[in-house]
Amino acid sequence: MTIRRLDQFVALFLAFFGVYLVWAGLQYGFMQGTTPGAGFFPVLMGIGITALSIVNFWRSAVDLEQIKASMTRSEVMKFAGIVVAMVIFVGLCDPLGITIATMLLMAAIGLIIRPSLDRAFLLRLALSSLLVPIGCRYLFGDVLRVPLPTGPFGF
């Protein structure tokens, strides 16, 4: 299988996954009165994933992208590392809460993509890994009142 065919296959898979997220989110309830329901975020993410996957498939199908013929061993290892990190994230969401699990996921993916001990990079990674999940927690959990998994620390 060529990288172009793999890209098209993944784009189609993600498009169907996005449709599934929309369907599942609607089953959870998009709104609860004037408050977003548990399915609010999955529906929005599903729409985004589906739309971007269709665009990615189209770009690949009409040959608008320059895709290398193969992946290096390093790229395959990074891809596998990110997949493993995301699977671990899913398992940690309930026991740790989504905020802490997201902090760990962002830090892990940053280090997988760019394994560096450069102080400036590590500082930016640490700040973004801390502030983005806290900001999202505030926005979705407090402002929009979307029910989110909380861990033993309440966030």
N, C-alpha and C. Protein backbone atom coordinates (compact mmCIF):
# COMPACT_ATOMS: atom_id res chain seq x y z
N MET A 1 0.84 -1.17 0.00
CA MET A 1 0.00 0.00 0.00
C MET A 1 0.90 1.25 0.00
N THR A 2 0.60 2.16 -0.88
CA THR A 2 1.39 3.39 -0.95
C THR A 2 0.95 4.35 0.16
N ILE A 3 1.80 5.31 0.46
CA ILE A 3 1.48 6.32 1.47
C ILE A 3 0.24 7.11 1.04
N ARG A 4 0.11 7.39 -0.25
CA ARG A 4 -1.07 8.12 -0.73
C ARG A 4 -2.35 7.34 -0.46
N ARG A 5 -2.33 6.04 -0.72
CA ARG A 5 -3.52 5.20 -0.45
C ARG A 5 -3.77 5.12 1.05
N LEU A 6 -2.72 5.01 1.83
CA LEU A 6 -2.88 4.98 3.28
C LEU A 6 -3.49 6.29 3.77
N ASP A 7 -3.03 7.41 3.23
CA ASP A 7 -3.58 8.72 3.59
C ASP A 7 -5.06 8.79 3.26
N GLN A 8 -5.45 8.29 2.09
CA GLN A 8 -6.85 8.29 1.70
C GLN A 8 -7.68 7.38 2.59
N PHE A 9 -7.13 6.21 2.91
CA PHE A 9 -7.83 5.27 3.79
C PHE A 9 -8.06 5.88 5.17
N VAL A 10 -7.03 6.48 5.74
CA VAL A 10 -7.14 7.11 7.06
C VAL A 10 -8.13 8.26 7.01
N ALA A 11 -8.12 9.05 5.94
CA ALA A 11 -9.06 10.16 5.81
C ALA A 11 -10.50 9.65 5.79
N LEU A 12 -10.75 8.59 5.04
CA LEU A 12 -12.10 8.02 4.99
C LEU A 12 -12.49 7.43 6.35
N PHE A 13 -11.56 6.73 6.99
CA PHE A 13 -11.83 6.17 8.31
C PHE A 13 -12.19 7.29 9.30
N LEU A 14 -11.41 8.37 9.29
CA LEU A 14 -11.68 9.47 10.20
C LEU A 14 -12.98 10.18 9.87
N ALA A 15 -13.34 10.26 8.60
CA ALA A 15 -14.62 10.86 8.23
C ALA A 15 -15.77 10.04 8.82
N PHE A 16 -15.69 8.71 8.69
CA PHE A 16 -16.73 7.86 9.28
C PHE A 16 -16.71 7.92 10.80
N PHE A 17 -15.52 8.02 11.38
CA PHE A 17 -15.41 8.17 12.83
C PHE A 17 -16.06 9.48 13.29
N GLY A 18 -15.84 10.55 12.53
CA GLY A 18 -16.47 11.83 12.85
C GLY A 18 -17.98 11.74 12.81
N VAL A 19 -18.51 11.04 11.80
CA VAL A 19 -19.96 10.84 11.71
C VAL A 19 -20.45 10.06 12.92
N TYR A 20 -19.69 9.04 13.32
CA TYR A 20 -20.05 8.28 14.52
C TYR A 20 -20.06 9.16 15.76
N LEU A 21 -19.07 10.06 15.89
CA LEU A 21 -19.03 10.96 17.03
C LEU A 21 -20.26 11.85 17.07
N VAL A 22 -20.68 12.36 15.92
CA VAL A 22 -21.88 13.18 15.86
C VAL A 22 -23.08 12.36 16.31
N TRP A 23 -23.22 11.16 15.76
CA TRP A 23 -24.34 10.29 16.11
C TRP A 23 -24.34 9.97 17.61
N ALA A 24 -23.19 9.58 18.15
CA ALA A 24 -23.10 9.24 19.57
C ALA A 24 -23.35 10.47 20.43
N GLY A 25 -22.82 11.62 20.04
CA GLY A 25 -23.04 12.84 20.80
C GLY A 25 -24.50 13.22 20.86
N LEU A 26 -25.21 13.03 19.75
CA LEU A 26 -26.64 13.33 19.75
C LEU A 26 -27.39 12.37 20.67
N GLN A 27 -26.91 11.15 20.80
CA GLN A 27 -27.55 10.18 21.71
C GLN A 27 -27.38 10.62 23.17
N TYR A 28 -26.24 11.26 23.49
CA TYR A 28 -26.00 11.75 24.85
C TYR A 28 -26.82 13.00 25.15
N GLY A 29 -27.22 13.70 24.13
CA GLY A 29 -27.97 14.93 24.32
C GLY A 29 -27.10 16.14 24.01
N PHE A 30 -27.47 16.84 22.96
CA PHE A 30 -26.69 18.00 22.53
C PHE A 30 -26.88 19.16 23.51
N MET A 31 -28.11 19.40 23.89
CA MET A 31 -28.42 20.47 24.83
C MET A 31 -29.33 19.93 25.93
N GLN A 32 -29.20 20.50 27.10
CA GLN A 32 -30.10 20.20 28.22
C GLN A 32 -30.71 21.53 28.65
N GLY A 33 -31.80 21.90 28.01
CA GLY A 33 -32.37 23.22 28.23
C GLY A 33 -31.50 24.26 27.55
N THR A 34 -30.96 25.17 28.35
CA THR A 34 -30.07 26.20 27.81
C THR A 34 -28.61 25.88 28.06
N THR A 35 -28.34 24.68 28.59
CA THR A 35 -26.98 24.27 28.92
C THR A 35 -26.54 23.18 27.95
N PRO A 36 -25.31 23.26 27.44
CA PRO A 36 -24.83 22.18 26.58
C PRO A 36 -24.84 20.85 27.31
N GLY A 37 -25.27 19.82 26.62
CA GLY A 37 -25.32 18.49 27.20
C GLY A 37 -24.01 17.74 27.03
N ALA A 38 -24.02 16.49 27.48
CA ALA A 38 -22.81 15.67 27.40
C ALA A 38 -22.37 15.43 25.96
N GLY A 39 -23.29 15.52 25.02
CA GLY A 39 -22.93 15.29 23.62
C GLY A 39 -22.51 16.52 22.86
N PHE A 40 -22.51 17.68 23.51
CA PHE A 40 -22.18 18.94 22.84
C PHE A 40 -20.79 18.90 22.21
N PHE A 41 -19.78 18.59 23.01
CA PHE A 41 -18.40 18.58 22.52
C PHE A 41 -18.18 17.47 21.49
N PRO A 42 -18.66 16.23 21.72
CA PRO A 42 -18.48 15.20 20.68
C PRO A 42 -19.12 15.57 19.34
N VAL A 43 -20.29 16.23 19.37
CA VAL A 43 -20.94 16.63 18.12
C VAL A 43 -20.08 17.65 17.39
N LEU A 44 -19.61 18.67 18.11
CA LEU A 44 -18.77 19.68 17.46
C LEU A 44 -17.48 19.08 16.92
N MET A 45 -16.83 18.23 17.70
CA MET A 45 -15.59 17.61 17.25
C MET A 45 -15.85 16.66 16.09
N GLY A 46 -16.97 15.95 16.13
CA GLY A 46 -17.31 15.04 15.04
C GLY A 46 -17.51 15.78 13.73
N ILE A 47 -18.18 16.92 13.80
CA ILE A 47 -18.38 17.73 12.60
C ILE A 47 -17.04 18.21 12.06
N GLY A 48 -16.17 18.68 12.96
CA GLY A 48 -14.85 19.16 12.54
C GLY A 48 -14.01 18.05 11.94
N ILE A 49 -13.98 16.89 12.60
CA ILE A 49 -13.19 15.75 12.10
C ILE A 49 -13.71 15.31 10.74
N THR A 50 -15.02 15.21 10.60
CA THR A 50 -15.60 14.78 9.33
C THR A 50 -15.25 15.76 8.21
N ALA A 51 -15.45 17.05 8.46
CA ALA A 51 -15.19 18.07 7.43
C ALA A 51 -13.71 18.07 7.03
N LEU A 52 -12.82 18.08 8.01
CA LEU A 52 -11.39 18.12 7.69
C LEU A 52 -10.93 16.82 7.01
N SER A 53 -11.51 15.70 7.38
CA SER A 53 -11.14 14.42 6.74
C SER A 53 -11.60 14.38 5.29
N ILE A 54 -12.77 14.92 5.02
CA ILE A 54 -13.25 14.97 3.63
C ILE A 54 -12.35 15.88 2.80
N VAL A 55 -11.95 17.01 3.37
CA VAL A 55 -11.02 17.91 2.67
C VAL A 55 -9.69 17.21 2.42
N ASN A 56 -9.18 16.49 3.44
CA ASN A 56 -7.91 15.77 3.29
C ASN A 56 -8.02 14.69 2.22
N PHE A 57 -9.12 13.96 2.20
CA PHE A 57 -9.31 12.93 1.18
C PHE A 57 -9.36 13.56 -0.20
N TRP A 58 -10.10 14.64 -0.34
CA TRP A 58 -10.21 15.31 -1.64
C TRP A 58 -8.86 15.81 -2.11
N ARG A 59 -8.08 16.44 -1.22
CA ARG A 59 -6.75 16.94 -1.60
C ARG A 59 -5.85 15.81 -2.05
N SER A 60 -5.95 14.67 -1.38
CA SER A 60 -5.12 13.52 -1.77
C SER A 60 -5.61 12.92 -3.09
N ALA A 61 -6.92 12.87 -3.27
CA ALA A 61 -7.48 12.25 -4.48
C ALA A 61 -7.17 13.06 -5.73
N VAL A 62 -7.15 14.40 -5.62
CA VAL A 62 -6.88 15.22 -6.80
C VAL A 62 -5.40 15.60 -6.90
N ASP A 63 -4.59 15.00 -6.06
CA ASP A 63 -3.13 15.14 -6.11
C ASP A 63 -2.65 16.57 -5.84
N LEU A 64 -3.25 17.22 -4.83
CA LEU A 64 -2.82 18.56 -4.43
C LEU A 64 -1.70 18.52 -3.39
N GLU A 65 -1.46 17.36 -2.80
CA GLU A 65 -0.44 17.24 -1.76
C GLU A 65 0.79 16.54 -2.29
N GLN A 66 1.93 16.96 -1.80
CA GLN A 66 3.18 16.29 -2.11
C GLN A 66 3.48 15.34 -0.95
N ILE A 67 3.23 14.07 -1.16
CA ILE A 67 3.43 13.07 -0.11
C ILE A 67 4.65 12.23 -0.47
N LYS A 68 5.50 12.03 0.52
CA LYS A 68 6.68 11.20 0.29
C LYS A 68 6.25 9.76 -0.01
N ALA A 69 7.12 9.04 -0.67
CA ALA A 69 6.80 7.67 -1.06
C ALA A 69 6.75 6.72 0.14
N SER A 70 7.50 7.03 1.19
CA SER A 70 7.51 6.14 2.35
C SER A 70 7.83 6.94 3.60
N MET A 71 7.67 6.28 4.74
CA MET A 71 7.98 6.90 6.03
C MET A 71 9.29 6.33 6.55
N THR A 72 10.06 7.18 7.22
CA THR A 72 11.29 6.70 7.83
C THR A 72 10.94 5.93 9.10
N ARG A 73 11.89 5.18 9.59
CA ARG A 73 11.69 4.42 10.82
C ARG A 73 11.36 5.35 11.98
N SER A 74 12.02 6.49 12.04
CA SER A 74 11.78 7.48 13.09
C SER A 74 10.34 7.99 13.03
N GLU A 75 9.83 8.27 11.84
CA GLU A 75 8.45 8.75 11.70
C GLU A 75 7.45 7.68 12.12
N VAL A 76 7.71 6.44 11.78
CA VAL A 76 6.83 5.35 12.19
C VAL A 76 6.82 5.21 13.71
N MET A 77 7.99 5.34 14.33
CA MET A 77 8.08 5.23 15.79
C MET A 77 7.35 6.40 16.46
N LYS A 78 7.46 7.59 15.91
CA LYS A 78 6.73 8.73 16.47
C LYS A 78 5.22 8.51 16.35
N PHE A 79 4.79 8.04 15.20
CA PHE A 79 3.37 7.76 14.99
C PHE A 79 2.87 6.72 16.01
N ALA A 80 3.63 5.64 16.15
CA ALA A 80 3.25 4.59 17.11
C ALA A 80 3.23 5.14 18.54
N GLY A 81 4.21 5.97 18.88
CA GLY A 81 4.25 6.56 20.21
C GLY A 81 3.05 7.44 20.50
N ILE A 82 2.62 8.20 19.51
CA ILE A 82 1.44 9.06 19.68
C ILE A 82 0.19 8.22 19.84
N VAL A 83 0.07 7.15 19.07
CA VAL A 83 -1.09 6.26 19.19
C VAL A 83 -1.13 5.65 20.59
N VAL A 84 0.00 5.17 21.08
CA VAL A 84 0.07 4.59 22.42
C VAL A 84 -0.28 5.64 23.47
N ALA A 85 0.23 6.85 23.32
CA ALA A 85 -0.07 7.93 24.28
C ALA A 85 -1.57 8.23 24.31
N MET A 86 -2.20 8.21 23.15
CA MET A 86 -3.64 8.49 23.11
C MET A 86 -4.46 7.36 23.73
N VAL A 87 -4.03 6.13 23.53
CA VAL A 87 -4.72 5.00 24.16
C VAL A 87 -4.59 5.08 25.68
N ILE A 88 -3.40 5.42 26.16
CA ILE A 88 -3.19 5.58 27.60
C ILE A 88 -4.04 6.73 28.12
N PHE A 89 -4.14 7.83 27.35
CA PHE A 89 -4.97 8.97 27.73
C PHE A 89 -6.41 8.55 27.97
N VAL A 90 -6.96 7.75 27.06
CA VAL A 90 -8.34 7.30 27.20
C VAL A 90 -8.51 6.51 28.50
N GLY A 91 -7.52 5.67 28.81
CA GLY A 91 -7.58 4.90 30.05
C GLY A 91 -7.42 5.74 31.30
N LEU A 92 -6.74 6.89 31.20
CA LEU A 92 -6.50 7.74 32.36
C LEU A 92 -7.58 8.79 32.60
N CYS A 93 -8.46 9.01 31.63
CA CYS A 93 -9.48 10.06 31.77
C CYS A 93 -10.37 9.84 32.98
N ASP A 94 -10.84 8.63 33.19
CA ASP A 94 -11.73 8.39 34.33
C ASP A 94 -11.00 8.43 35.67
N PRO A 95 -9.89 7.72 35.83
CA PRO A 95 -9.26 7.74 37.16
C PRO A 95 -8.59 9.07 37.53
N LEU A 96 -8.05 9.80 36.56
CA LEU A 96 -7.34 11.05 36.86
C LEU A 96 -8.17 12.30 36.58
N GLY A 97 -9.18 12.16 35.75
CA GLY A 97 -9.94 13.32 35.29
C GLY A 97 -9.38 13.79 33.96
N ILE A 98 -10.24 14.41 33.17
CA ILE A 98 -9.84 14.77 31.82
C ILE A 98 -8.78 15.87 31.80
N THR A 99 -8.80 16.76 32.79
CA THR A 99 -7.84 17.86 32.79
C THR A 99 -6.42 17.36 33.00
N ILE A 100 -6.22 16.55 34.02
CA ILE A 100 -4.88 16.02 34.30
C ILE A 100 -4.43 15.08 33.18
N ALA A 101 -5.35 14.24 32.70
CA ALA A 101 -5.00 13.32 31.61
C ALA A 101 -4.59 14.09 30.36
N THR A 102 -5.27 15.21 30.08
CA THR A 102 -4.92 16.02 28.92
C THR A 102 -3.56 16.69 29.09
N MET A 103 -3.27 17.14 30.30
CA MET A 103 -1.95 17.72 30.57
C MET A 103 -0.85 16.71 30.25
N LEU A 104 -1.04 15.49 30.72
CA LEU A 104 -0.04 14.44 30.49
C LEU A 104 0.05 14.10 29.00
N LEU A 105 -1.10 14.03 28.32
CA LEU A 105 -1.10 13.72 26.88
C LEU A 105 -0.37 14.79 26.08
N MET A 106 -0.65 16.06 26.37
CA MET A 106 0.00 17.13 25.62
C MET A 106 1.51 17.11 25.82
N ALA A 107 1.94 16.88 27.06
CA ALA A 107 3.38 16.82 27.33
C ALA A 107 4.01 15.63 26.61
N ALA A 108 3.34 14.48 26.67
CA ALA A 108 3.87 13.28 26.03
C ALA A 108 3.99 13.45 24.52
N ILE A 109 2.95 13.98 23.89
CA ILE A 109 2.98 14.16 22.44
C ILE A 109 4.05 15.17 22.04
N GLY A 110 4.18 16.24 22.82
CA GLY A 110 5.23 17.21 22.54
C GLY A 110 6.61 16.60 22.59
N LEU A 111 6.85 15.75 23.58
CA LEU A 111 8.16 15.10 23.71
C LEU A 111 8.37 14.00 22.67
N ILE A 112 7.30 13.38 22.23
CA ILE A 112 7.41 12.35 21.18
C ILE A 112 7.76 13.02 19.85
N ILE A 113 7.07 14.10 19.55
CA ILE A 113 7.30 14.78 18.27
C ILE A 113 8.68 15.43 18.24
N ARG A 114 9.05 16.07 19.34
CA ARG A 114 10.34 16.76 19.39
C ARG A 114 11.07 16.40 20.69
N PRO A 115 11.77 15.28 20.70
CA PRO A 115 12.49 14.88 21.91
C PRO A 115 13.70 15.79 22.13
N SER A 116 13.49 16.83 22.91
CA SER A 116 14.53 17.84 23.10
C SER A 116 14.61 18.24 24.56
N LEU A 117 15.80 18.57 25.01
CA LEU A 117 16.00 19.08 26.36
C LEU A 117 16.27 20.58 26.34
N ASP A 118 15.98 21.23 25.21
CA ASP A 118 16.14 22.66 25.09
C ASP A 118 15.22 23.35 26.10
N ARG A 119 15.78 24.22 26.92
CA ARG A 119 15.02 24.86 28.00
C ARG A 119 13.82 25.64 27.49
N ALA A 120 14.00 26.40 26.43
CA ALA A 120 12.91 27.21 25.89
C ALA A 120 11.76 26.32 25.41
N PHE A 121 12.10 25.24 24.72
CA PHE A 121 11.07 24.31 24.25
C PHE A 121 10.34 23.68 25.43
N LEU A 122 11.09 23.20 26.43
CA LEU A 122 10.47 22.56 27.58
C LEU A 122 9.59 23.52 28.36
N LEU A 123 9.99 24.77 28.45
CA LEU A 123 9.18 25.77 29.14
C LEU A 123 7.87 26.02 28.38
N ARG A 124 7.97 26.18 27.06
CA ARG A 124 6.75 26.38 26.26
C ARG A 124 5.84 25.16 26.34
N LEU A 125 6.44 23.97 26.28
CA LEU A 125 5.66 22.74 26.36
C LEU A 125 4.97 22.63 27.72
N ALA A 126 5.70 22.90 28.79
CA ALA A 126 5.12 22.81 30.14
C ALA A 126 3.99 23.83 30.32
N LEU A 127 4.22 25.06 29.88
CA LEU A 127 3.19 26.09 30.02
C LEU A 127 1.93 25.74 29.22
N SER A 128 2.12 25.33 27.98
CA SER A 128 0.95 25.00 27.17
C SER A 128 0.25 23.74 27.68
N SER A 129 1.02 22.77 28.18
CA SER A 129 0.43 21.54 28.72
C SER A 129 -0.35 21.80 30.01
N LEU A 130 -0.01 22.85 30.72
CA LEU A 130 -0.74 23.21 31.93
C LEU A 130 -1.90 24.16 31.64
N LEU A 131 -1.65 25.20 30.87
CA LEU A 131 -2.64 26.26 30.70
C LEU A 131 -3.78 25.90 29.76
N VAL A 132 -3.50 25.19 28.67
CA VAL A 132 -4.56 24.85 27.72
C VAL A 132 -5.61 23.94 28.36
N PRO A 133 -5.24 22.85 29.02
CA PRO A 133 -6.28 22.02 29.66
C PRO A 133 -7.05 22.76 30.76
N ILE A 134 -6.38 23.62 31.51
CA ILE A 134 -7.08 24.39 32.55
C ILE A 134 -8.05 25.37 31.90
N GLY A 135 -7.62 26.03 30.82
CA GLY A 135 -8.51 26.93 30.10
C GLY A 135 -9.71 26.20 29.50
N CYS A 136 -9.46 25.04 28.92
CA CYS A 136 -10.56 24.25 28.35
C CYS A 136 -11.50 23.76 29.45
N ARG A 137 -10.94 23.37 30.58
CA ARG A 137 -11.75 22.94 31.72
C ARG A 137 -12.66 24.07 32.19
N TYR A 138 -12.09 25.27 32.28
CA TYR A 138 -12.88 26.42 32.70
C TYR A 138 -13.98 26.71 31.68
N LEU A 139 -13.61 26.77 30.40
CA LEU A 139 -14.57 27.10 29.35
C LEU A 139 -15.69 26.07 29.28
N PHE A 140 -15.33 24.80 29.15
CA PHE A 140 -16.35 23.78 28.97
C PHE A 140 -17.02 23.36 30.27
N GLY A 141 -16.24 23.23 31.35
CA GLY A 141 -16.81 22.76 32.61
C GLY A 141 -17.54 23.83 33.38
N ASP A 142 -16.99 25.05 33.46
CA ASP A 142 -17.57 26.10 34.28
C ASP A 142 -18.49 27.03 33.49
N VAL A 143 -18.02 27.54 32.36
CA VAL A 143 -18.81 28.49 31.59
C VAL A 143 -19.97 27.79 30.87
N LEU A 144 -19.66 26.75 30.09
CA LEU A 144 -20.69 26.06 29.32
C LEU A 144 -21.39 24.95 30.11
N ARG A 145 -20.83 24.58 31.25
CA ARG A 145 -21.38 23.54 32.13
C ARG A 145 -21.55 22.18 31.44
N VAL A 146 -20.56 21.83 30.62
CA VAL A 146 -20.55 20.52 29.98
C VAL A 146 -20.01 19.53 31.00
N PRO A 147 -20.73 18.43 31.25
CA PRO A 147 -20.21 17.45 32.21
C PRO A 147 -18.91 16.82 31.69
N LEU A 148 -17.86 16.90 32.50
CA LEU A 148 -16.55 16.35 32.13
C LEU A 148 -16.12 15.34 33.18
N PRO A 149 -15.35 14.32 32.77
CA PRO A 149 -14.85 13.37 33.77
C PRO A 149 -13.92 14.07 34.76
N THR A 150 -14.19 13.89 36.02
CA THR A 150 -13.34 14.47 37.07
C THR A 150 -12.64 13.34 37.82
N GLY A 151 -11.43 13.58 38.21
CA GLY A 151 -10.66 12.60 38.96
C GLY A 151 -10.75 12.85 40.44
N PRO A 152 -9.83 12.29 41.18
CA PRO A 152 -9.87 12.41 42.63
C PRO A 152 -9.62 13.84 43.12
N PHE A 153 -9.08 14.70 42.28
CA PHE A 153 -8.80 16.08 42.68
C PHE A 153 -9.93 17.04 42.28
N GLY A 154 -10.97 16.52 41.66
CA GLY A 154 -12.11 17.35 41.29
C GLY A 154 -12.01 18.06 39.97
N PHE A 155 -10.97 17.76 39.20
CA PHE A 155 -10.85 18.35 37.87
C PHE A 155 -10.19 17.35 36.99
